[in-house]
Amino acid sequence: MLRVPHTILIAISGVIWLSIGIMLLSMGTNFLVGSLLEANQSQPHPMLHLFAGISGGLEQAMIILLALGLGLGLLKGRLIFRKTVDRSVKRILSLPNPTSIFNIYEKKYYILLLGMVFLGVLARMTPQDVRGFIDVAIGSALIQGAVLYFKQAIAQYFVTESEATQD
């Protein structure tokens, strides 16, 4: 069984969040841009048309949706995911060091992941612009959460190093 130090486990969690965040951000951006294509104009785009009336065009509306998604994701990452990351790091630090890589998340976290995958499948039924906005917001929030994991991993690395030099 592969055993890794706490610092590596925290960093791996950050890499996972970063990877999924980049994937969702990319998909969301593609959905938003794709909703502007002529081939997709027959489909409903409620958010784009709402903001197009305010901003003066579909392209400007798409940029507004992208900016709002990024901003909302940043806020969610800083306000909500900060607590999640802190709780996860605290749990990892309570484990023996080094610990199994399979201890990276609790069992209930995997159930939450399955729920999010199910919601992602349901999101396929939403209009393209709505799905794009949601994916951009969640993707940018996950990237912000990954940054928080990386900060914790770096801080833990220096704590471990300073303890090693004191011994």
N, C-alpha and C. Protein backbone atom coordinates (compact mmCIF):
# COMPACT_ATOMS: atom_id res chain seq x y z
N MET A 1 0.84 -1.17 0.00
CA MET A 1 0.00 0.00 0.00
C MET A 1 0.90 1.24 0.00
N LEU A 2 0.62 2.15 -0.89
CA LEU A 2 1.41 3.37 -1.01
C LEU A 2 1.14 4.31 0.15
N ARG A 3 2.20 4.68 0.86
CA ARG A 3 2.09 5.59 2.00
C ARG A 3 2.82 6.88 1.64
N VAL A 4 2.16 8.00 1.91
CA VAL A 4 2.74 9.30 1.57
C VAL A 4 2.64 10.24 2.77
N PRO A 5 3.55 11.22 2.84
CA PRO A 5 3.49 12.21 3.92
C PRO A 5 2.27 13.12 3.76
N HIS A 6 1.90 13.75 4.85
CA HIS A 6 0.75 14.66 4.85
C HIS A 6 0.87 15.73 3.76
N THR A 7 2.04 16.31 3.62
CA THR A 7 2.24 17.39 2.65
C THR A 7 1.89 16.93 1.24
N ILE A 8 2.33 15.74 0.89
CA ILE A 8 2.05 15.20 -0.45
C ILE A 8 0.56 14.92 -0.61
N LEU A 9 -0.07 14.39 0.42
CA LEU A 9 -1.50 14.09 0.36
C LEU A 9 -2.32 15.37 0.16
N ILE A 10 -1.94 16.43 0.84
CA ILE A 10 -2.62 17.72 0.68
C ILE A 10 -2.40 18.25 -0.73
N ALA A 11 -1.18 18.15 -1.23
CA ALA A 11 -0.87 18.62 -2.58
C ALA A 11 -1.61 17.81 -3.64
N ILE A 12 -1.72 16.50 -3.44
CA ILE A 12 -2.45 15.65 -4.39
C ILE A 12 -3.92 16.08 -4.44
N SER A 13 -4.49 16.37 -3.28
CA SER A 13 -5.87 16.83 -3.24
C SER A 13 -6.01 18.14 -4.03
N GLY A 14 -5.03 19.03 -3.89
CA GLY A 14 -5.05 20.27 -4.66
C GLY A 14 -4.96 20.02 -6.16
N VAL A 15 -4.14 19.07 -6.55
CA VAL A 15 -4.00 18.74 -7.98
C VAL A 15 -5.32 18.18 -8.52
N ILE A 16 -6.00 17.37 -7.73
CA ILE A 16 -7.29 16.82 -8.16
C ILE A 16 -8.29 17.95 -8.36
N TRP A 17 -8.39 18.85 -7.39
CA TRP A 17 -9.32 19.97 -7.50
C TRP A 17 -8.95 20.86 -8.69
N LEU A 18 -7.66 21.11 -8.87
CA LEU A 18 -7.21 21.95 -9.98
C LEU A 18 -7.57 21.31 -11.32
N SER A 19 -7.33 20.02 -11.45
CA SER A 19 -7.63 19.32 -12.71
C SER A 19 -9.11 19.38 -13.06
N ILE A 20 -9.96 19.10 -12.08
CA ILE A 20 -11.40 19.13 -12.33
C ILE A 20 -11.85 20.56 -12.59
N GLY A 21 -11.28 21.52 -11.86
CA GLY A 21 -11.63 22.93 -12.07
C GLY A 21 -11.28 23.40 -13.47
N ILE A 22 -10.10 23.05 -13.94
CA ILE A 22 -9.69 23.44 -15.30
C ILE A 22 -10.61 22.79 -16.33
N MET A 23 -10.95 21.52 -16.11
CA MET A 23 -11.84 20.83 -17.05
C MET A 23 -13.21 21.52 -17.11
N LEU A 24 -13.78 21.83 -15.94
CA LEU A 24 -15.09 22.48 -15.91
C LEU A 24 -15.04 23.90 -16.47
N LEU A 25 -13.99 24.63 -16.15
CA LEU A 25 -13.85 25.99 -16.68
C LEU A 25 -13.74 25.97 -18.20
N SER A 26 -13.00 25.04 -18.71
CA SER A 26 -12.85 24.89 -20.17
C SER A 26 -14.18 24.51 -20.81
N MET A 27 -14.87 23.53 -20.23
CA MET A 27 -16.16 23.11 -20.77
C MET A 27 -17.16 24.25 -20.72
N GLY A 28 -17.20 24.97 -19.60
CA GLY A 28 -18.15 26.08 -19.47
C GLY A 28 -17.89 27.18 -20.48
N THR A 29 -16.63 27.50 -20.67
CA THR A 29 -16.28 28.51 -21.67
C THR A 29 -16.69 28.05 -23.06
N ASN A 30 -16.45 26.78 -23.36
CA ASN A 30 -16.86 26.24 -24.66
C ASN A 30 -18.38 26.29 -24.84
N PHE A 31 -19.13 26.00 -23.78
CA PHE A 31 -20.59 26.07 -23.87
C PHE A 31 -21.05 27.51 -24.11
N LEU A 32 -20.44 28.46 -23.41
CA LEU A 32 -20.83 29.86 -23.59
C LEU A 32 -20.52 30.34 -25.00
N VAL A 33 -19.32 30.05 -25.46
CA VAL A 33 -18.93 30.47 -26.81
C VAL A 33 -19.78 29.71 -27.84
N GLY A 34 -20.00 28.42 -27.60
CA GLY A 34 -20.79 27.61 -28.51
C GLY A 34 -22.23 28.08 -28.63
N SER A 35 -22.76 28.67 -27.57
CA SER A 35 -24.14 29.15 -27.63
C SER A 35 -24.29 30.34 -28.57
N LEU A 36 -23.18 30.97 -28.95
CA LEU A 36 -23.22 32.08 -29.90
C LEU A 36 -23.19 31.61 -31.35
N LEU A 37 -22.81 30.37 -31.59
CA LEU A 37 -22.69 29.88 -32.95
C LEU A 37 -24.05 29.87 -33.64
N GLU A 38 -24.02 30.13 -34.92
CA GLU A 38 -25.25 30.20 -35.70
C GLU A 38 -26.01 28.88 -35.66
N ALA A 39 -25.30 27.78 -35.65
CA ALA A 39 -25.94 26.46 -35.63
C ALA A 39 -26.74 26.25 -34.35
N ASN A 40 -26.42 26.95 -33.28
CA ASN A 40 -27.10 26.78 -31.99
C ASN A 40 -28.13 27.87 -31.71
N GLN A 41 -28.37 28.76 -32.63
CA GLN A 41 -29.29 29.87 -32.39
C GLN A 41 -30.74 29.42 -32.24
N SER A 42 -31.10 28.24 -32.76
CA SER A 42 -32.47 27.75 -32.64
C SER A 42 -32.75 27.23 -31.23
N GLN A 43 -31.70 26.95 -30.45
CA GLN A 43 -31.86 26.46 -29.09
C GLN A 43 -32.14 27.64 -28.15
N PRO A 44 -32.83 27.37 -27.03
CA PRO A 44 -33.08 28.46 -26.07
C PRO A 44 -31.80 28.84 -25.32
N HIS A 45 -31.60 30.12 -25.15
CA HIS A 45 -30.46 30.64 -24.37
C HIS A 45 -30.98 31.76 -23.47
N PRO A 46 -31.68 31.40 -22.40
CA PRO A 46 -32.35 32.41 -21.58
C PRO A 46 -31.42 33.43 -20.94
N MET A 47 -30.29 32.99 -20.44
CA MET A 47 -29.38 33.94 -19.78
C MET A 47 -28.73 34.87 -20.80
N LEU A 48 -28.32 34.32 -21.93
CA LEU A 48 -27.71 35.15 -22.97
C LEU A 48 -28.68 36.22 -23.45
N HIS A 49 -29.94 35.83 -23.68
CA HIS A 49 -30.91 36.79 -24.19
C HIS A 49 -31.28 37.84 -23.14
N LEU A 50 -31.29 37.43 -21.88
CA LEU A 50 -31.55 38.39 -20.80
C LEU A 50 -30.47 39.47 -20.78
N PHE A 51 -29.20 39.03 -20.79
CA PHE A 51 -28.10 39.99 -20.73
C PHE A 51 -27.87 40.70 -22.06
N ALA A 52 -28.28 40.08 -23.17
CA ALA A 52 -28.14 40.74 -24.48
C ALA A 52 -29.00 41.98 -24.54
N GLY A 53 -30.18 41.92 -23.94
CA GLY A 53 -31.05 43.09 -23.91
C GLY A 53 -30.46 44.22 -23.10
N ILE A 54 -29.69 43.89 -22.10
CA ILE A 54 -29.07 44.90 -21.23
C ILE A 54 -27.78 45.43 -21.83
N SER A 55 -26.99 44.50 -22.41
CA SER A 55 -25.63 44.87 -22.84
C SER A 55 -25.53 45.30 -24.29
N GLY A 56 -26.54 44.97 -25.10
CA GLY A 56 -26.49 45.43 -26.47
C GLY A 56 -26.08 44.38 -27.49
N GLY A 57 -25.91 43.13 -27.09
CA GLY A 57 -25.54 42.09 -28.05
C GLY A 57 -25.22 40.78 -27.37
N LEU A 58 -25.27 39.71 -28.17
CA LEU A 58 -25.01 38.39 -27.62
C LEU A 58 -23.56 38.22 -27.18
N GLU A 59 -22.62 38.79 -27.94
CA GLU A 59 -21.20 38.65 -27.58
C GLU A 59 -20.92 39.32 -26.24
N GLN A 60 -21.48 40.50 -26.05
CA GLN A 60 -21.28 41.21 -24.78
C GLN A 60 -21.95 40.44 -23.63
N ALA A 61 -23.12 39.86 -23.92
CA ALA A 61 -23.82 39.07 -22.91
C ALA A 61 -22.99 37.86 -22.50
N MET A 62 -22.35 37.22 -23.47
CA MET A 62 -21.51 36.07 -23.17
C MET A 62 -20.33 36.49 -22.29
N ILE A 63 -19.74 37.63 -22.57
CA ILE A 63 -18.62 38.11 -21.76
C ILE A 63 -19.10 38.42 -20.34
N ILE A 64 -20.29 39.00 -20.22
CA ILE A 64 -20.85 39.29 -18.89
C ILE A 64 -21.08 37.98 -18.13
N LEU A 65 -21.66 36.98 -18.79
CA LEU A 65 -21.89 35.69 -18.13
C LEU A 65 -20.57 35.05 -17.70
N LEU A 66 -19.57 35.13 -18.55
CA LEU A 66 -18.26 34.58 -18.22
C LEU A 66 -17.67 35.30 -17.00
N ALA A 67 -17.74 36.62 -17.01
CA ALA A 67 -17.21 37.40 -15.88
C ALA A 67 -17.98 37.12 -14.59
N LEU A 68 -19.31 37.04 -14.69
CA LEU A 68 -20.12 36.74 -13.50
C LEU A 68 -19.81 35.34 -12.97
N GLY A 69 -19.65 34.37 -13.86
CA GLY A 69 -19.31 33.01 -13.44
C GLY A 69 -17.96 32.96 -12.75
N LEU A 70 -16.98 33.66 -13.31
CA LEU A 70 -15.65 33.70 -12.69
C LEU A 70 -15.71 34.37 -11.32
N GLY A 71 -16.44 35.48 -11.24
CA GLY A 71 -16.55 36.21 -9.97
C GLY A 71 -17.27 35.40 -8.91
N LEU A 72 -18.38 34.77 -9.31
CA LEU A 72 -19.12 33.94 -8.37
C LEU A 72 -18.28 32.76 -7.90
N GLY A 73 -17.53 32.16 -8.82
CA GLY A 73 -16.65 31.06 -8.45
C GLY A 73 -15.55 31.49 -7.50
N LEU A 74 -14.99 32.66 -7.73
CA LEU A 74 -13.96 33.18 -6.85
C LEU A 74 -14.50 33.37 -5.44
N LEU A 75 -15.70 33.97 -5.35
CA LEU A 75 -16.32 34.16 -4.03
C LEU A 75 -16.61 32.82 -3.35
N LYS A 76 -17.18 31.88 -4.11
CA LYS A 76 -17.49 30.58 -3.53
C LYS A 76 -16.21 29.88 -3.07
N GLY A 77 -15.17 29.97 -3.86
CA GLY A 77 -13.91 29.35 -3.49
C GLY A 77 -13.33 29.93 -2.22
N ARG A 78 -13.41 31.25 -2.11
CA ARG A 78 -12.81 31.90 -0.93
C ARG A 78 -13.66 31.78 0.32
N LEU A 79 -14.98 31.83 0.16
CA LEU A 79 -15.85 31.83 1.33
C LEU A 79 -16.31 30.45 1.76
N ILE A 80 -16.63 29.60 0.80
CA ILE A 80 -17.20 28.29 1.13
C ILE A 80 -16.13 27.20 1.10
N PHE A 81 -15.36 27.15 0.01
CA PHE A 81 -14.37 26.08 -0.11
C PHE A 81 -13.23 26.25 0.88
N ARG A 82 -13.00 27.44 1.38
CA ARG A 82 -11.96 27.63 2.39
C ARG A 82 -12.24 26.73 3.60
N LYS A 83 -13.50 26.70 4.03
CA LYS A 83 -13.88 25.87 5.17
C LYS A 83 -13.70 24.38 4.84
N THR A 84 -14.09 24.01 3.63
CA THR A 84 -13.95 22.61 3.21
C THR A 84 -12.49 22.20 3.19
N VAL A 85 -11.64 23.05 2.62
CA VAL A 85 -10.21 22.74 2.54
C VAL A 85 -9.61 22.67 3.95
N ASP A 86 -9.94 23.63 4.79
CA ASP A 86 -9.41 23.63 6.16
C ASP A 86 -9.81 22.35 6.90
N ARG A 87 -11.07 21.95 6.75
CA ARG A 87 -11.55 20.73 7.40
C ARG A 87 -10.83 19.50 6.86
N SER A 88 -10.65 19.45 5.56
CA SER A 88 -9.97 18.32 4.92
C SER A 88 -8.51 18.23 5.36
N VAL A 89 -7.83 19.37 5.38
CA VAL A 89 -6.42 19.39 5.79
C VAL A 89 -6.29 19.00 7.26
N LYS A 90 -7.18 19.49 8.09
CA LYS A 90 -7.14 19.14 9.51
C LYS A 90 -7.33 17.63 9.69
N ARG A 91 -8.23 17.03 8.90
CA ARG A 91 -8.44 15.59 8.98
C ARG A 91 -7.20 14.83 8.53
N ILE A 92 -6.58 15.29 7.44
CA ILE A 92 -5.36 14.64 6.95
C ILE A 92 -4.25 14.72 8.00
N LEU A 93 -4.11 15.88 8.64
CA LEU A 93 -3.06 16.05 9.64
C LEU A 93 -3.30 15.21 10.89
N SER A 94 -4.54 14.78 11.10
CA SER A 94 -4.84 13.94 12.27
C SER A 94 -4.49 12.47 12.02
N LEU A 95 -4.20 12.12 10.77
CA LEU A 95 -3.85 10.75 10.42
C LEU A 95 -2.37 10.49 10.74
N PRO A 96 -2.00 9.22 10.89
CA PRO A 96 -0.57 8.93 11.08
C PRO A 96 0.24 9.43 9.88
N ASN A 97 1.47 9.83 10.13
CA ASN A 97 2.32 10.36 9.06
C ASN A 97 3.53 9.45 8.89
N PRO A 98 3.74 8.86 7.73
CA PRO A 98 2.97 8.88 6.48
C PRO A 98 1.73 8.01 6.60
N THR A 99 0.80 8.23 5.68
CA THR A 99 -0.45 7.48 5.67
C THR A 99 -0.75 6.98 4.26
N SER A 100 -1.72 6.09 4.18
CA SER A 100 -2.10 5.54 2.89
C SER A 100 -2.70 6.63 2.00
N ILE A 101 -2.38 6.57 0.73
CA ILE A 101 -2.93 7.54 -0.21
C ILE A 101 -4.45 7.42 -0.30
N PHE A 102 -4.99 6.27 0.07
CA PHE A 102 -6.43 6.07 0.03
C PHE A 102 -7.15 6.81 1.15
N ASN A 103 -6.41 7.39 2.08
CA ASN A 103 -7.00 8.20 3.14
C ASN A 103 -7.21 9.65 2.72
N ILE A 104 -7.02 9.94 1.44
CA ILE A 104 -7.07 11.33 0.97
C ILE A 104 -8.43 11.97 1.26
N TYR A 105 -9.51 11.21 1.11
CA TYR A 105 -10.86 11.73 1.39
C TYR A 105 -11.63 10.74 2.25
N GLU A 106 -12.63 11.26 2.96
CA GLU A 106 -13.51 10.41 3.75
C GLU A 106 -14.51 9.73 2.83
N LYS A 107 -15.15 8.67 3.33
CA LYS A 107 -16.14 7.95 2.52
C LYS A 107 -17.30 8.85 2.13
N LYS A 108 -17.75 9.71 3.05
CA LYS A 108 -18.89 10.57 2.73
C LYS A 108 -18.53 11.56 1.62
N TYR A 109 -17.25 11.87 1.46
CA TYR A 109 -16.81 12.76 0.38
C TYR A 109 -17.02 12.09 -0.98
N TYR A 110 -16.77 10.79 -1.04
CA TYR A 110 -16.97 10.06 -2.29
C TYR A 110 -18.45 10.01 -2.66
N ILE A 111 -19.32 9.91 -1.65
CA ILE A 111 -20.76 9.95 -1.90
C ILE A 111 -21.15 11.33 -2.45
N LEU A 112 -20.56 12.38 -1.89
CA LEU A 112 -20.80 13.73 -2.39
C LEU A 112 -20.34 13.85 -3.84
N LEU A 113 -19.19 13.28 -4.17
CA LEU A 113 -18.70 13.31 -5.55
C LEU A 113 -19.66 12.62 -6.51
N LEU A 114 -20.20 11.47 -6.09
CA LEU A 114 -21.18 10.78 -6.92
C LEU A 114 -22.41 11.64 -7.14
N GLY A 115 -22.83 12.35 -6.10
CA GLY A 115 -23.97 13.26 -6.23
C GLY A 115 -23.68 14.38 -7.22
N MET A 116 -22.47 14.91 -7.18
CA MET A 116 -22.10 15.98 -8.12
C MET A 116 -22.04 15.47 -9.55
N VAL A 117 -21.56 14.24 -9.73
CA VAL A 117 -21.55 13.65 -11.06
C VAL A 117 -22.99 13.49 -11.56
N PHE A 118 -23.88 13.04 -10.69
CA PHE A 118 -25.30 12.91 -11.05
C PHE A 118 -25.88 14.26 -11.44
N LEU A 119 -25.57 15.31 -10.69
CA LEU A 119 -26.04 16.66 -11.04
C LEU A 119 -25.46 17.11 -12.38
N GLY A 120 -24.23 16.71 -12.66
CA GLY A 120 -23.62 17.03 -13.95
C GLY A 120 -24.36 16.37 -15.10
N VAL A 121 -24.82 15.15 -14.88
CA VAL A 121 -25.61 14.45 -15.89
C VAL A 121 -26.95 15.17 -16.09
N LEU A 122 -27.58 15.59 -14.99
CA LEU A 122 -28.83 16.33 -15.09
C LEU A 122 -28.64 17.68 -15.78
N ALA A 123 -27.46 18.27 -15.62
CA ALA A 123 -27.19 19.58 -16.22
C ALA A 123 -27.21 19.52 -17.74
N ARG A 124 -27.10 18.34 -18.29
CA ARG A 124 -27.14 18.21 -19.75
C ARG A 124 -28.51 18.59 -20.31
N MET A 125 -29.52 18.61 -19.43
CA MET A 125 -30.87 18.97 -19.87
C MET A 125 -31.11 20.48 -19.82
N THR A 126 -30.16 21.23 -19.28
CA THR A 126 -30.34 22.68 -19.19
C THR A 126 -29.84 23.35 -20.47
N PRO A 127 -30.31 24.56 -20.72
CA PRO A 127 -29.82 25.28 -21.90
C PRO A 127 -28.30 25.46 -21.85
N GLN A 128 -27.71 25.55 -23.02
CA GLN A 128 -26.25 25.60 -23.17
C GLN A 128 -25.63 26.77 -22.41
N ASP A 129 -26.26 27.93 -22.42
CA ASP A 129 -25.68 29.09 -21.74
C ASP A 129 -25.75 28.95 -20.22
N VAL A 130 -26.82 28.34 -19.73
CA VAL A 130 -26.96 28.12 -18.28
C VAL A 130 -25.91 27.12 -17.82
N ARG A 131 -25.77 26.04 -18.58
CA ARG A 131 -24.77 25.03 -18.23
C ARG A 131 -23.36 25.62 -18.28
N GLY A 132 -23.09 26.44 -19.28
CA GLY A 132 -21.79 27.08 -19.38
C GLY A 132 -21.50 27.97 -18.19
N PHE A 133 -22.49 28.77 -17.79
CA PHE A 133 -22.33 29.66 -16.64
C PHE A 133 -22.04 28.85 -15.37
N ILE A 134 -22.80 27.78 -15.16
CA ILE A 134 -22.62 26.94 -13.97
C ILE A 134 -21.24 26.29 -13.98
N ASP A 135 -20.84 25.75 -15.13
CA ASP A 135 -19.53 25.11 -15.22
C ASP A 135 -18.39 26.09 -14.98
N VAL A 136 -18.51 27.31 -15.50
CA VAL A 136 -17.48 28.33 -15.28
C VAL A 136 -17.41 28.68 -13.79
N ALA A 137 -18.57 28.85 -13.15
CA ALA A 137 -18.59 29.21 -11.73
C ALA A 137 -17.99 28.09 -10.87
N ILE A 138 -18.40 26.86 -11.10
CA ILE A 138 -17.89 25.74 -10.31
C ILE A 138 -16.41 25.50 -10.61
N GLY A 139 -16.04 25.58 -11.88
CA GLY A 139 -14.64 25.38 -12.24
C GLY A 139 -13.72 26.40 -11.60
N SER A 140 -14.12 27.67 -11.63
CA SER A 140 -13.26 28.70 -11.02
C SER A 140 -13.24 28.56 -9.51
N ALA A 141 -14.34 28.10 -8.90
CA ALA A 141 -14.35 27.87 -7.45
C ALA A 141 -13.41 26.72 -7.09
N LEU A 142 -13.41 25.67 -7.89
CA LEU A 142 -12.51 24.54 -7.62
C LEU A 142 -11.05 24.95 -7.79
N ILE A 143 -10.76 25.79 -8.77
CA ILE A 143 -9.39 26.27 -8.94
C ILE A 143 -8.97 27.09 -7.73
N GLN A 144 -9.88 27.93 -7.23
CA GLN A 144 -9.58 28.71 -6.02
C GLN A 144 -9.36 27.77 -4.84
N GLY A 145 -10.16 26.72 -4.73
CA GLY A 145 -9.97 25.72 -3.67
C GLY A 145 -8.63 25.02 -3.80
N ALA A 146 -8.22 24.73 -5.03
CA ALA A 146 -6.92 24.09 -5.25
C ALA A 146 -5.79 24.99 -4.77
N VAL A 147 -5.92 26.28 -5.03
CA VAL A 147 -4.90 27.23 -4.57
C VAL A 147 -4.81 27.18 -3.04
N LEU A 148 -5.96 27.07 -2.39
CA LEU A 148 -5.96 26.97 -0.93
C LEU A 148 -5.28 25.69 -0.45
N TYR A 149 -5.52 24.58 -1.16
CA TYR A 149 -4.82 23.33 -0.83
C TYR A 149 -3.31 23.50 -0.99
N PHE A 150 -2.90 24.13 -2.09
CA PHE A 150 -1.46 24.31 -2.33
C PHE A 150 -0.83 25.19 -1.25
N LYS A 151 -1.53 26.24 -0.82
CA LYS A 151 -1.02 27.09 0.26
C LYS A 151 -0.85 26.28 1.54
N GLN A 152 -1.83 25.43 1.83
CA GLN A 152 -1.75 24.59 3.04
C GLN A 152 -0.60 23.59 2.92
N ALA A 153 -0.41 23.02 1.73
CA ALA A 153 0.67 22.05 1.53
C ALA A 153 2.03 22.72 1.72
N ILE A 154 2.18 23.92 1.19
CA ILE A 154 3.44 24.66 1.34
C ILE A 154 3.68 25.01 2.81
N ALA A 155 2.63 25.48 3.49
CA ALA A 155 2.77 25.81 4.91
C ALA A 155 3.13 24.57 5.72
N GLN A 156 2.50 23.45 5.41
CA GLN A 156 2.80 22.20 6.13
C GLN A 156 4.22 21.73 5.84
N TYR A 157 4.68 21.93 4.62
CA TYR A 157 6.06 21.56 4.27
C TYR A 157 7.04 22.33 5.13
N PHE A 158 6.83 23.64 5.28
CA PHE A 158 7.77 24.44 6.07
C PHE A 158 7.67 24.12 7.56
N VAL A 159 6.47 23.76 8.05
CA VAL A 159 6.33 23.34 9.43
C VAL A 159 7.12 22.04 9.66
N THR A 160 6.98 21.11 8.74
CA THR A 160 7.69 19.83 8.83
C THR A 160 9.19 20.03 8.76
N GLU A 161 9.64 20.91 7.87
CA GLU A 161 11.07 21.20 7.73
C GLU A 161 11.63 21.84 9.00
N SER A 162 10.89 22.78 9.57
CA SER A 162 11.39 23.46 10.77
C SER A 162 11.42 22.48 11.96
N GLU A 163 10.46 21.55 12.02
CA GLU A 163 10.48 20.54 13.09
C GLU A 163 11.67 19.60 12.91
N ALA A 164 11.99 19.28 11.66
CA ALA A 164 13.13 18.39 11.38
C ALA A 164 14.45 19.03 11.74
N THR A 165 14.59 20.33 11.52
CA THR A 165 15.84 21.02 11.85
C THR A 165 15.99 21.22 13.36
N GLN A 166 14.86 21.26 14.09
CA GLN A 166 14.94 21.43 15.54
C GLN A 166 15.33 20.14 16.23
N ASP A 167 15.08 19.01 15.59
CA ASP A 167 15.43 17.71 16.20
C ASP A 167 16.86 17.42 16.05
